[in-house]
Amino acid sequence: MAEITIKEIKKVIDDGFEKQALMIKRGFDETATKSELKLVENRLTGVETNMLRLNDRVKSLESNVDRVLYKEMDRLERRVTKLEQKTGISPA
């Protein structure tokens, strides 16, 4: 039976530690830095600001559309009333 020497055991342990160290290094290499995260945060803040502006613009457009539709409805109701009066048709 072959005997394992202390030197061989140390090599196996050292190889294991080396593999772990490389895995940890790769993990850190793929991790974003604080400055990179700050850039992302700044971009997201800009996107959020733009979204808020767009939301305000949409609300303004909705308000304008509602106003135009109300005016058009009122105008059409007056025209229908005049037509009913001229033709003698009673309102429903």
Protein backbone atom coordinates (compact mmCIF):
# COMPACT_ATOMS: atom_id res chain seq x y z
CA MET A 1 0.00 0.00 0.00
CA ALA A 2 1.33 3.43 -0.92
CA GLU A 3 1.90 5.84 1.86
CA ILE A 4 1.00 9.48 1.59
CA THR A 5 3.70 11.86 2.67
CA ILE A 6 3.21 15.09 4.56
CA LYS A 7 4.59 16.92 1.55
CA GLU A 8 1.83 15.45 -0.67
CA ILE A 9 -0.84 16.39 1.88
CA LYS A 10 0.49 19.96 2.02
CA LYS A 11 0.42 20.10 -1.80
CA VAL A 12 -3.22 18.97 -1.91
CA ILE A 13 -4.15 21.54 0.74
CA ASP A 14 -2.16 24.28 -1.00
CA ASP A 15 -3.82 23.43 -4.34
CA GLY A 16 -7.23 23.63 -2.66
CA PHE A 17 -6.43 27.01 -1.15
CA GLU A 18 -5.11 28.22 -4.51
CA LYS A 19 -8.34 27.17 -6.25
CA GLN A 20 -10.42 28.90 -3.59
CA ALA A 21 -8.31 32.04 -3.86
CA LEU A 22 -8.79 32.10 -7.64
CA MET A 23 -12.54 31.63 -7.28
CA ILE A 24 -12.72 34.48 -4.76
CA LYS A 25 -10.59 36.69 -7.02
CA ARG A 26 -12.89 36.00 -9.99
CA GLY A 27 -15.85 36.92 -7.81
CA PHE A 28 -14.29 40.23 -6.85
CA ASP A 29 -13.19 40.90 -10.43
CA GLU A 30 -16.84 40.69 -11.52
CA THR A 31 -18.12 42.87 -8.68
CA ALA A 32 -18.96 46.48 -9.49
CA THR A 33 -16.87 49.15 -7.84
CA LYS A 34 -18.37 51.95 -5.76
CA SER A 35 -17.72 54.43 -8.56
CA GLU A 36 -19.46 52.16 -11.08
CA LEU A 37 -22.45 51.83 -8.75
CA LYS A 38 -22.51 55.61 -8.32
CA LEU A 39 -22.65 56.03 -12.11
CA VAL A 40 -25.56 53.61 -12.29
CA GLU A 41 -27.30 55.43 -9.43
CA ASN A 42 -26.84 58.77 -11.23
CA ARG A 43 -28.25 57.34 -14.45
CA LEU A 44 -31.24 55.90 -12.59
CA THR A 45 -31.84 59.25 -10.93
CA GLY A 46 -31.84 60.85 -14.38
CA VAL A 47 -34.28 58.24 -15.67
CA GLU A 48 -36.52 58.82 -12.65
CA THR A 49 -36.46 62.59 -13.25
CA ASN A 50 -37.39 62.07 -16.90
CA MET A 51 -40.21 59.72 -15.90
CA LEU A 52 -41.61 62.33 -13.51
CA ARG A 53 -41.47 64.97 -16.24
CA LEU A 54 -43.19 62.62 -18.66
CA ASN A 55 -45.84 61.89 -16.08
CA ASP A 56 -46.48 65.61 -15.66
CA ARG A 57 -46.71 66.05 -19.42
CA VAL A 58 -49.15 63.15 -19.74
CA LYS A 59 -51.34 64.64 -17.00
CA SER A 60 -51.27 67.98 -18.80
CA LEU A 61 -52.20 66.32 -22.09
CA GLU A 62 -55.03 64.40 -20.41
CA SER A 63 -56.34 67.65 -18.95
CA ASN A 64 -56.18 69.36 -22.35
CA VAL A 65 -57.94 66.44 -24.05
CA ASP A 66 -60.66 66.45 -21.38
CA ARG A 67 -61.16 70.19 -21.85
CA VAL A 68 -61.36 69.86 -25.65
CA LEU A 69 -63.78 66.94 -25.41
CA TYR A 70 -65.97 68.83 -22.92
CA LYS A 71 -66.08 71.88 -25.21
CA GLU A 72 -66.90 69.73 -28.24
CA MET A 73 -69.61 67.88 -26.31
CA ASP A 74 -71.11 71.15 -25.13
CA ARG A 75 -71.02 72.55 -28.67
CA LEU A 76 -72.71 69.45 -30.05
CA GLU A 77 -75.38 69.52 -27.33
CA ARG A 78 -76.21 73.15 -28.20
CA ARG A 79 -76.44 72.26 -31.90
CA VAL A 80 -78.72 69.32 -31.15
CA THR A 81 -80.89 71.53 -28.93
CA LYS A 82 -81.25 74.09 -31.75
CA LEU A 83 -82.10 71.32 -34.22
CA GLU A 84 -84.70 69.92 -31.82
CA GLN A 85 -86.24 73.33 -31.38
CA LYS A 86 -86.36 74.06 -35.14
CA THR A 87 -87.81 70.66 -36.03
CA GLY A 88 -90.16 70.44 -33.09
CA ILE A 89 -88.61 67.26 -31.80
CA SER A 90 -88.80 66.94 -28.02
CA PRO A 91 -85.58 66.13 -26.18
CA ALA A 92 -85.25 62.55 -25.07
